[in-house]
Amino acid sequence: LHFDAGLLQTWMLKRLEQSPRITISERFVTDVAGVDSPHVMDCRGMPPSMDGYEELSIPVNAAVVANFPPEDRDTTLTRTMRHGWMFAIPLQSRTSYGYVHNDRFAKEHEIVAEMQAELGMPVVDHRVHRFSNYKRTSNFGERMAYNGNRSFFLEPMEATSLCNAEQINRCTYDYWCLDQSREQAQYRYDEMINGTV
């Protein structure tokens, strides 16, 4: 499922604004502990350090990504490659190609050369993204919960992230609103992430 994250945010905010129980306050937050709310869900993206996180043993840690002109395709391409796997994501204004691999076993120039040979066209202006695969060791606090990349990152299973994020929302709701214990919420979270890996 591919969607424009900016348009989704706008759509969600318009829906939430219709509820008399919700107050939306847009601001840049660096310290979530200072947010005046009984509950806070931290979705600020990848954490600045791995303190409080467990690194997961997944055999890929990098991706070479390049954009190409839009293609007439309505599905995502995935292809097994010598050092990992390659994807193509068709978007309205471009097609994004990437090659996920482990940079301890293949160098950037090898990956680019393999992409070019497979695609039959030059790969220019590519970017290299390095990443860690991780999950929070304690995803639910007294008033805090974490979601999105602040909670976990699992490549090449990142395609499951939307479903996992929704499941974390359910665990958090059950913890905050339905008297489920923090331990039960954490158990469900660990089972979900470990089951994905």
Protein backbone atom coordinates (compact mmCIF):
# COMPACT_ATOMS: atom_id res chain seq x y z
CA LEU A 1 0.00 0.00 0.00
CA HIS A 2 1.57 3.28 -1.10
CA PHE A 3 0.16 6.63 -0.11
CA ASP A 4 1.21 10.25 0.24
CA ALA A 5 2.09 10.66 3.93
CA GLY A 6 1.48 14.43 3.81
CA LEU A 7 -2.03 14.00 2.39
CA LEU A 8 -2.78 11.26 4.94
CA GLN A 9 -1.75 13.58 7.78
CA THR A 10 -3.98 16.36 6.43
CA TRP A 11 -6.91 13.94 6.08
CA MET A 12 -6.41 12.57 9.60
CA LEU A 13 -6.16 16.02 11.17
CA LYS A 14 -9.41 17.12 9.48
CA ARG A 15 -11.16 14.01 10.82
CA LEU A 16 -9.77 14.50 14.34
CA GLU A 17 -10.74 18.19 14.39
CA GLN A 18 -14.38 17.12 14.11
CA SER A 19 -14.28 15.48 17.55
CA PRO A 20 -15.17 17.67 20.54
CA ARG A 21 -12.94 15.44 22.70
CA ILE A 22 -9.74 16.24 20.80
CA THR A 23 -7.65 19.40 20.88
CA ILE A 24 -4.96 19.69 18.24
CA SER A 25 -1.93 21.79 19.09
CA GLU A 26 0.71 21.96 16.37
CA ARG A 27 4.22 22.62 17.66
CA PHE A 28 7.74 21.26 17.46
CA VAL A 29 8.36 18.99 20.45
CA THR A 30 11.87 18.00 21.48
CA ASP A 31 11.12 16.87 25.05
CA VAL A 32 7.97 14.75 25.23
CA ALA A 33 8.23 14.63 29.04
CA GLY A 34 7.21 18.31 29.02
CA VAL A 35 3.96 17.71 27.10
CA ASP A 36 0.99 18.53 29.33
CA SER A 37 -1.17 15.45 28.77
CA PRO A 38 -2.04 12.34 30.75
CA HIS A 39 -0.96 10.21 27.77
CA VAL A 40 1.70 10.80 25.11
CA MET A 41 2.46 8.66 22.07
CA ASP A 42 5.94 9.42 20.77
CA CYS A 43 6.12 8.99 16.98
CA ARG A 44 9.09 11.28 16.31
CA GLY A 45 10.96 8.89 14.01
CA MET A 46 14.22 7.02 14.45
CA PRO A 47 15.74 7.44 17.91
CA PRO A 48 18.94 9.49 18.32
CA SER A 49 20.62 6.58 20.17
CA MET A 50 20.01 2.90 20.78
CA ASP A 51 19.72 3.33 24.58
CA GLY A 52 16.51 1.56 25.59
CA TYR A 53 16.42 -0.44 22.35
CA GLU A 54 17.31 -4.00 21.41
CA GLU A 55 19.09 -4.49 18.11
CA LEU A 56 17.51 -7.30 16.12
CA SER A 57 19.43 -9.87 14.12
CA ILE A 58 18.30 -9.20 10.55
CA PRO A 59 20.94 -9.74 7.85
CA VAL A 60 20.55 -6.40 6.01
CA ASN A 61 21.71 -2.96 7.13
CA ALA A 62 21.82 -0.68 4.08
CA ALA A 63 20.00 0.31 0.91
CA VAL A 64 21.09 2.06 -2.28
CA VAL A 65 18.13 4.13 -3.49
CA ALA A 66 17.67 6.05 -6.75
CA ASN A 67 14.71 7.76 -8.39
CA PHE A 68 13.70 7.24 -12.01
CA PRO A 69 10.91 8.70 -14.16
CA PRO A 70 7.41 7.39 -13.36
CA GLU A 71 6.56 4.00 -14.86
CA ASP A 72 3.21 2.60 -15.94
CA ARG A 73 2.92 0.00 -13.20
CA ASP A 74 0.44 -0.37 -10.37
CA THR A 75 2.28 -2.85 -8.14
CA THR A 76 5.52 -2.84 -6.20
CA LEU A 77 8.38 -4.78 -7.72
CA THR A 78 10.48 -7.04 -5.52
CA ARG A 79 13.32 -9.05 -6.94
CA THR A 80 15.88 -11.34 -5.32
CA MET A 81 19.43 -10.22 -6.07
CA ARG A 82 22.90 -11.63 -5.42
CA HIS A 83 23.49 -9.56 -2.25
CA GLY A 84 19.91 -9.00 -1.06
CA TRP A 85 16.81 -7.78 -2.81
CA MET A 86 15.72 -4.93 -5.04
CA PHE A 87 12.43 -3.06 -4.98
CA ALA A 88 10.66 -0.56 -7.21
CA ILE A 89 7.89 1.60 -5.81
CA PRO A 90 5.71 3.31 -8.43
CA LEU A 91 4.68 6.80 -7.34
CA GLN A 92 2.85 9.52 -9.25
CA SER A 93 5.92 11.63 -9.98
CA ARG A 94 8.68 9.00 -9.98
CA THR A 95 9.60 5.35 -9.53
CA SER A 96 11.85 4.73 -6.56
CA TYR A 97 14.29 1.83 -6.96
CA GLY A 98 16.29 0.46 -4.06
CA TYR A 99 18.62 -2.42 -3.34
CA VAL A 100 18.61 -3.65 0.26
CA HIS A 101 21.80 -5.44 1.30
CA ASN A 102 24.44 -5.86 4.01
CA ASP A 103 27.31 -3.41 3.51
CA ARG A 104 29.76 -5.74 5.28
CA PHE A 105 29.52 -8.15 2.34
CA ALA A 106 28.97 -5.89 -0.68
CA LYS A 107 30.42 -2.47 -1.47
CA GLU A 108 28.36 0.44 -2.77
CA HIS A 109 29.92 0.31 -6.26
CA GLU A 110 29.09 -3.43 -6.52
CA ILE A 111 25.45 -2.79 -5.62
CA VAL A 112 25.15 0.09 -8.09
CA ALA A 113 26.75 -2.00 -10.87
CA GLU A 114 24.37 -4.89 -10.16
CA MET A 115 21.36 -2.53 -10.21
CA GLN A 116 22.49 -1.04 -13.54
CA ALA A 117 22.93 -4.48 -15.08
CA GLU A 118 19.50 -5.61 -13.86
CA LEU A 119 17.70 -2.43 -14.91
CA GLY A 120 19.59 -1.89 -18.16
CA MET A 121 20.05 1.80 -17.41
CA PRO A 122 22.50 3.96 -15.45
CA VAL A 123 21.85 4.54 -11.75
CA VAL A 124 22.72 8.20 -11.12
CA ASP A 125 22.24 10.43 -8.11
CA HIS A 126 21.73 7.47 -5.81
CA ARG A 127 21.70 7.68 -2.02
CA VAL A 128 22.91 5.15 0.51
CA HIS A 129 20.79 4.64 3.61
CA ARG A 130 22.31 2.75 6.51
CA PHE A 131 20.02 1.52 9.25
CA SER A 132 19.75 -0.61 12.36
CA ASN A 133 16.97 -3.10 12.97
CA TYR A 134 15.57 -2.61 16.46
CA LYS A 135 12.66 -2.58 18.89
CA ARG A 136 12.12 -0.83 22.20
CA THR A 137 12.87 -2.89 25.28
CA SER A 138 10.03 -1.13 27.10
CA ASN A 139 7.47 0.34 24.68
CA PHE A 140 4.90 1.40 27.30
CA GLY A 141 5.66 3.68 30.22
CA GLU A 142 3.57 5.28 32.94
CA ARG A 143 2.09 7.83 30.52
CA MET A 144 4.25 7.23 27.44
CA ALA A 145 3.93 4.84 24.52
CA TYR A 146 6.00 4.69 21.35
CA ASN A 147 5.04 4.00 17.76
CA GLY A 148 6.45 4.17 14.24
CA ASN A 149 10.23 4.29 13.90
CA ARG A 150 10.51 5.60 17.48
CA SER A 151 9.28 2.13 18.47
CA PHE A 152 10.79 -0.26 15.90
CA PHE A 153 12.43 -0.73 12.52
CA LEU A 154 12.48 -4.07 10.70
CA GLU A 155 13.96 -4.30 7.23
CA PRO A 156 13.17 -6.11 4.93
CA MET A 157 9.86 -6.60 6.77
CA GLU A 158 9.25 -2.83 6.90
CA ALA A 159 6.31 -3.42 4.55
CA THR A 160 4.53 -4.69 7.67
CA SER A 161 5.05 -1.39 9.50
CA LEU A 162 1.55 -0.02 8.87
CA CYS A 163 -0.05 -3.15 10.32
CA ASN A 164 2.41 -3.21 13.23
CA ALA A 165 1.80 0.47 14.00
CA GLU A 166 -1.94 -0.16 14.07
CA GLN A 167 -1.42 -3.12 16.44
CA ILE A 168 0.69 -0.91 18.73
CA ASN A 169 -2.19 1.59 18.73
CA ARG A 170 -4.52 -1.22 19.86
CA CYS A 171 -2.12 -2.34 22.61
CA THR A 172 -1.74 1.26 23.77
CA TYR A 173 -5.51 1.86 23.81
CA ASP A 174 -6.05 -1.35 25.80
CA TYR A 175 -3.34 -0.28 28.26
CA TRP A 176 -4.54 3.31 28.67
CA CYS A 177 -8.30 2.81 28.45
CA LEU A 178 -9.22 -0.82 29.16
CA ASP A 179 -7.08 -1.59 32.21
CA GLN A 180 -4.74 -3.99 30.46
CA SER A 181 -1.48 -4.15 32.40
CA ARG A 182 1.72 -2.64 31.07
CA GLU A 183 3.24 -6.15 31.13
CA GLN A 184 0.42 -7.51 28.96
CA ALA A 185 0.83 -4.66 26.47
CA GLN A 186 4.60 -5.23 26.34
CA TYR A 187 4.09 -8.99 25.89
CA ARG A 188 1.76 -8.37 22.92
CA TYR A 189 4.26 -5.90 21.45
CA ASP A 190 7.20 -8.32 21.82
CA GLU A 191 5.19 -11.19 20.33
CA MET A 192 4.20 -9.05 17.35
CA ILE A 193 7.71 -7.75 16.61
CA ASN A 194 9.39 -11.12 17.22
CA GLY A 195 6.74 -12.79 15.05
CA THR A 196 7.47 -10.34 12.23
CA VAL A 197 11.21 -10.93 12.38
